[in-house]
Amino acid sequence: MPRFRVVIEGSGLEVPGDFAGVPSQTIRGFFVARVVNAPDRKEAGERVLAIVADDWKNGPYASLEVRPTLKIAEARPATLLEWLRPKQTGYAFHPGL
């Protein structure tokens, strides 16, 4: 089964920055990438959306009690290195525009 790298953009947050180690800035969004096995890009995107949504519902960010708006920023076939080492990336939080 092919592997895809999917980048998710999260928005609609209003979280104090200290939780992410960014003092005095409100966190309003983030980017995160995941590598998944899927038959096509559409299915890969849906799988990663579900994984990231679960992080905010039941996972490490559930205690913040916010549900960001999620959208697929990029979905492409994984490179050979990504395919061999499907390391997940951490969240890159930002204060918004």
N, C-alpha and C. Protein backbone atom coordinates (compact mmCIF):
# COMPACT_ATOMS: atom_id res chain seq x y z
N MET A 1 0.85 -1.18 0.00
CA MET A 1 0.00 0.00 0.00
C MET A 1 0.90 1.24 0.00
N PRO A 2 0.56 2.26 -0.76
CA PRO A 2 1.36 3.49 -0.82
C PRO A 2 1.35 4.25 0.50
N ARG A 3 2.39 5.03 0.70
CA ARG A 3 2.47 5.92 1.86
C ARG A 3 2.37 7.35 1.39
N PHE A 4 1.68 8.15 2.19
CA PHE A 4 1.49 9.56 1.88
C PHE A 4 1.91 10.41 3.06
N ARG A 5 2.44 11.59 2.76
CA ARG A 5 2.74 12.58 3.79
C ARG A 5 1.64 13.62 3.70
N VAL A 6 0.96 13.84 4.81
CA VAL A 6 -0.16 14.77 4.85
C VAL A 6 0.13 15.85 5.88
N VAL A 7 0.00 17.11 5.48
CA VAL A 7 0.17 18.24 6.38
C VAL A 7 -1.22 18.79 6.69
N ILE A 8 -1.49 18.94 7.97
CA ILE A 8 -2.79 19.46 8.44
C ILE A 8 -2.58 20.85 9.02
N GLU A 9 -3.49 21.76 8.68
CA GLU A 9 -3.51 23.08 9.29
C GLU A 9 -4.69 23.15 10.25
N GLY A 10 -4.40 23.57 11.46
CA GLY A 10 -5.45 23.77 12.47
C GLY A 10 -5.62 25.25 12.73
N SER A 11 -6.86 25.68 12.90
CA SER A 11 -7.12 27.10 13.17
C SER A 11 -8.30 27.21 14.13
N GLY A 12 -8.57 28.45 14.54
CA GLY A 12 -9.70 28.69 15.42
C GLY A 12 -9.40 28.48 16.89
N LEU A 13 -8.14 28.52 17.27
CA LEU A 13 -7.76 28.36 18.67
C LEU A 13 -7.61 29.71 19.35
N GLU A 14 -7.74 29.73 20.64
CA GLU A 14 -7.45 30.89 21.48
C GLU A 14 -6.87 30.32 22.77
N VAL A 15 -5.61 29.93 22.71
CA VAL A 15 -4.97 29.25 23.83
C VAL A 15 -3.77 30.07 24.29
N PRO A 16 -3.63 30.32 25.60
CA PRO A 16 -2.46 31.05 26.08
C PRO A 16 -1.17 30.36 25.64
N GLY A 17 -0.19 31.14 25.20
CA GLY A 17 1.04 30.59 24.64
C GLY A 17 1.90 29.80 25.60
N ASP A 18 1.76 29.99 26.91
CA ASP A 18 2.67 29.29 27.82
C ASP A 18 2.55 27.77 27.69
N PHE A 19 1.43 27.25 27.24
CA PHE A 19 1.30 25.79 27.15
C PHE A 19 2.25 25.20 26.13
N ALA A 20 2.63 25.97 25.11
CA ALA A 20 3.52 25.46 24.06
C ALA A 20 4.92 26.03 24.19
N GLY A 21 5.22 26.63 25.33
CA GLY A 21 6.54 27.20 25.53
C GLY A 21 6.76 28.51 24.81
N VAL A 22 5.67 29.18 24.42
CA VAL A 22 5.76 30.47 23.74
C VAL A 22 5.10 31.50 24.65
N PRO A 23 5.87 32.08 25.57
CA PRO A 23 5.26 33.00 26.54
C PRO A 23 4.67 34.25 25.89
N SER A 24 3.62 34.72 26.45
CA SER A 24 2.93 35.98 26.11
C SER A 24 2.36 36.06 24.71
N GLN A 25 2.22 34.97 24.01
CA GLN A 25 1.54 34.99 22.71
C GLN A 25 0.40 33.99 22.74
N THR A 26 -0.75 34.41 22.28
CA THR A 26 -1.88 33.51 22.17
C THR A 26 -1.68 32.61 20.96
N ILE A 27 -1.91 31.33 21.15
CA ILE A 27 -1.80 30.36 20.06
C ILE A 27 -3.14 30.32 19.33
N ARG A 28 -3.11 30.56 18.02
CA ARG A 28 -4.34 30.56 17.24
C ARG A 28 -4.37 29.49 16.15
N GLY A 29 -3.24 28.82 15.94
CA GLY A 29 -3.23 27.80 14.90
C GLY A 29 -1.98 26.95 14.98
N PHE A 30 -1.91 25.98 14.08
CA PHE A 30 -0.77 25.08 14.04
C PHE A 30 -0.70 24.36 12.70
N PHE A 31 0.43 23.75 12.46
CA PHE A 31 0.64 22.82 11.35
C PHE A 31 1.21 21.55 11.95
N VAL A 32 0.85 20.42 11.38
CA VAL A 32 1.41 19.13 11.80
C VAL A 32 1.39 18.20 10.60
N ALA A 33 2.42 17.37 10.48
CA ALA A 33 2.50 16.42 9.36
C ALA A 33 2.52 14.99 9.88
N ARG A 34 1.93 14.10 9.12
CA ARG A 34 1.92 12.67 9.44
C ARG A 34 2.14 11.89 8.15
N VAL A 35 2.74 10.72 8.28
CA VAL A 35 2.92 9.80 7.16
C VAL A 35 2.04 8.59 7.45
N VAL A 36 1.18 8.25 6.48
CA VAL A 36 0.24 7.13 6.66
C VAL A 36 0.20 6.27 5.41
N ASN A 37 -0.16 5.01 5.61
CA ASN A 37 -0.45 4.11 4.49
C ASN A 37 -1.90 4.31 4.09
N ALA A 38 -2.13 4.43 2.81
CA ALA A 38 -3.50 4.59 2.31
C ALA A 38 -3.52 4.26 0.82
N PRO A 39 -4.68 3.85 0.31
CA PRO A 39 -4.76 3.52 -1.11
C PRO A 39 -4.65 4.73 -2.03
N ASP A 40 -5.02 5.93 -1.52
CA ASP A 40 -4.96 7.14 -2.34
C ASP A 40 -4.86 8.37 -1.44
N ARG A 41 -4.66 9.54 -2.07
CA ARG A 41 -4.50 10.79 -1.31
C ARG A 41 -5.73 11.13 -0.47
N LYS A 42 -6.89 10.91 -1.04
CA LYS A 42 -8.12 11.25 -0.32
C LYS A 42 -8.22 10.46 0.98
N GLU A 43 -8.01 9.17 0.90
CA GLU A 43 -8.07 8.33 2.10
C GLU A 43 -6.97 8.70 3.08
N ALA A 44 -5.77 9.02 2.57
CA ALA A 44 -4.67 9.44 3.44
C ALA A 44 -5.06 10.70 4.21
N GLY A 45 -5.64 11.67 3.51
CA GLY A 45 -6.07 12.89 4.17
C GLY A 45 -7.11 12.63 5.24
N GLU A 46 -8.08 11.79 4.94
CA GLU A 46 -9.13 11.47 5.92
C GLU A 46 -8.54 10.78 7.15
N ARG A 47 -7.59 9.87 6.94
CA ARG A 47 -6.97 9.17 8.07
C ARG A 47 -6.21 10.14 8.97
N VAL A 48 -5.45 11.05 8.35
CA VAL A 48 -4.67 11.99 9.15
C VAL A 48 -5.58 12.99 9.85
N LEU A 49 -6.62 13.44 9.19
CA LEU A 49 -7.59 14.32 9.86
C LEU A 49 -8.15 13.65 11.12
N ALA A 50 -8.46 12.36 11.02
CA ALA A 50 -9.00 11.63 12.18
C ALA A 50 -7.96 11.51 13.29
N ILE A 51 -6.70 11.27 12.92
CA ILE A 51 -5.63 11.14 13.91
C ILE A 51 -5.44 12.46 14.66
N VAL A 52 -5.38 13.56 13.93
CA VAL A 52 -5.16 14.86 14.55
C VAL A 52 -6.38 15.27 15.37
N ALA A 53 -7.57 15.02 14.88
CA ALA A 53 -8.78 15.34 15.65
C ALA A 53 -8.78 14.57 16.98
N ASP A 54 -8.31 13.33 16.95
CA ASP A 54 -8.26 12.54 18.18
C ASP A 54 -7.26 13.12 19.18
N ASP A 55 -6.16 13.71 18.69
CA ASP A 55 -5.21 14.37 19.60
C ASP A 55 -5.91 15.45 20.42
N TRP A 56 -6.89 16.12 19.83
CA TRP A 56 -7.58 17.22 20.50
C TRP A 56 -8.81 16.76 21.26
N LYS A 57 -9.30 15.58 20.96
CA LYS A 57 -10.48 15.06 21.66
C LYS A 57 -10.09 14.14 22.82
N ASN A 58 -9.14 13.25 22.60
CA ASN A 58 -8.78 12.25 23.62
C ASN A 58 -7.29 12.22 23.95
N GLY A 59 -6.48 12.90 23.16
CA GLY A 59 -5.03 12.79 23.28
C GLY A 59 -4.40 13.89 24.12
N PRO A 60 -3.18 14.28 23.76
CA PRO A 60 -2.40 15.20 24.59
C PRO A 60 -2.98 16.61 24.73
N TYR A 61 -3.87 17.01 23.83
CA TYR A 61 -4.42 18.36 23.90
C TYR A 61 -5.88 18.39 24.37
N ALA A 62 -6.41 17.26 24.76
CA ALA A 62 -7.81 17.18 25.19
C ALA A 62 -8.08 18.07 26.40
N SER A 63 -7.10 18.21 27.28
CA SER A 63 -7.31 19.01 28.50
C SER A 63 -7.53 20.49 28.19
N LEU A 64 -7.16 20.95 27.00
CA LEU A 64 -7.39 22.35 26.63
C LEU A 64 -8.85 22.63 26.32
N GLU A 65 -9.61 21.57 26.07
CA GLU A 65 -11.05 21.66 25.80
C GLU A 65 -11.38 22.60 24.65
N VAL A 66 -10.59 22.53 23.58
CA VAL A 66 -10.88 23.26 22.35
C VAL A 66 -10.82 22.28 21.20
N ARG A 67 -11.57 22.53 20.17
CA ARG A 67 -11.57 21.70 18.97
C ARG A 67 -11.24 22.58 17.78
N PRO A 68 -10.02 22.51 17.29
CA PRO A 68 -9.65 23.37 16.16
C PRO A 68 -10.36 22.96 14.88
N THR A 69 -10.46 23.90 13.98
CA THR A 69 -10.92 23.62 12.63
C THR A 69 -9.73 23.05 11.88
N LEU A 70 -9.90 21.88 11.27
CA LEU A 70 -8.80 21.20 10.59
C LEU A 70 -9.03 21.18 9.09
N LYS A 71 -7.94 21.37 8.35
CA LYS A 71 -8.02 21.22 6.90
C LYS A 71 -6.69 20.67 6.39
N ILE A 72 -6.76 20.00 5.27
CA ILE A 72 -5.57 19.43 4.67
C ILE A 72 -4.84 20.54 3.92
N ALA A 73 -3.59 20.81 4.32
CA ALA A 73 -2.79 21.82 3.64
C ALA A 73 -2.01 21.20 2.48
N GLU A 74 -1.62 19.94 2.63
CA GLU A 74 -0.87 19.25 1.59
C GLU A 74 -1.02 17.75 1.78
N ALA A 75 -1.14 17.03 0.69
CA ALA A 75 -1.13 15.56 0.70
C ALA A 75 -0.39 15.11 -0.54
N ARG A 76 0.69 14.38 -0.32
CA ARG A 76 1.50 13.94 -1.45
C ARG A 76 2.12 12.59 -1.13
N PRO A 77 2.57 11.87 -2.15
CA PRO A 77 3.26 10.61 -1.88
C PRO A 77 4.50 10.88 -1.03
N ALA A 78 4.76 10.00 -0.09
CA ALA A 78 5.94 10.15 0.77
C ALA A 78 7.21 9.92 -0.05
N THR A 79 8.26 10.65 0.28
CA THR A 79 9.56 10.43 -0.36
C THR A 79 10.11 9.10 0.13
N LEU A 80 11.16 8.64 -0.49
CA LEU A 80 11.77 7.37 -0.09
C LEU A 80 12.17 7.41 1.38
N LEU A 81 12.81 8.49 1.82
CA LEU A 81 13.21 8.60 3.21
C LEU A 81 12.00 8.60 4.14
N GLU A 82 10.96 9.34 3.79
CA GLU A 82 9.74 9.36 4.59
C GLU A 82 9.08 7.99 4.59
N TRP A 83 9.17 7.29 3.46
CA TRP A 83 8.55 5.97 3.36
C TRP A 83 9.27 4.98 4.27
N LEU A 84 10.61 5.07 4.29
CA LEU A 84 11.40 4.14 5.11
C LEU A 84 11.36 4.49 6.60
N ARG A 85 11.27 5.76 6.89
CA ARG A 85 11.26 6.22 8.28
C ARG A 85 10.08 7.16 8.48
N PRO A 86 8.90 6.62 8.66
CA PRO A 86 7.70 7.47 8.75
C PRO A 86 7.57 8.20 10.08
N LYS A 87 8.62 8.95 10.44
CA LYS A 87 8.59 9.69 11.70
C LYS A 87 7.50 10.75 11.66
N GLN A 88 6.79 10.86 12.75
CA GLN A 88 5.76 11.88 12.84
C GLN A 88 6.41 13.18 13.27
N THR A 89 5.92 14.28 12.77
CA THR A 89 6.44 15.58 13.19
C THR A 89 5.62 16.11 14.35
N GLY A 90 6.22 16.97 15.12
CA GLY A 90 5.49 17.62 16.21
C GLY A 90 4.63 18.74 15.68
N TYR A 91 3.84 19.27 16.55
CA TYR A 91 2.99 20.40 16.19
C TYR A 91 3.83 21.67 16.12
N ALA A 92 3.61 22.48 15.11
CA ALA A 92 4.24 23.79 14.98
C ALA A 92 3.13 24.81 15.23
N PHE A 93 3.08 25.35 16.45
CA PHE A 93 2.04 26.31 16.83
C PHE A 93 2.44 27.70 16.39
N HIS A 94 1.43 28.53 16.08
CA HIS A 94 1.69 29.91 15.67
C HIS A 94 0.60 30.83 16.21
N PRO A 95 0.90 32.15 16.29
CA PRO A 95 -0.06 33.11 16.84
C PRO A 95 -1.09 33.60 15.84
N GLY A 96 -1.08 33.12 14.62
CA GLY A 96 -2.05 33.56 13.63
C GLY A 96 -1.57 34.81 12.91
N LEU A 97 -2.42 35.26 12.00
CA LEU A 97 -2.06 36.46 11.22
C LEU A 97 -2.64 37.70 11.81
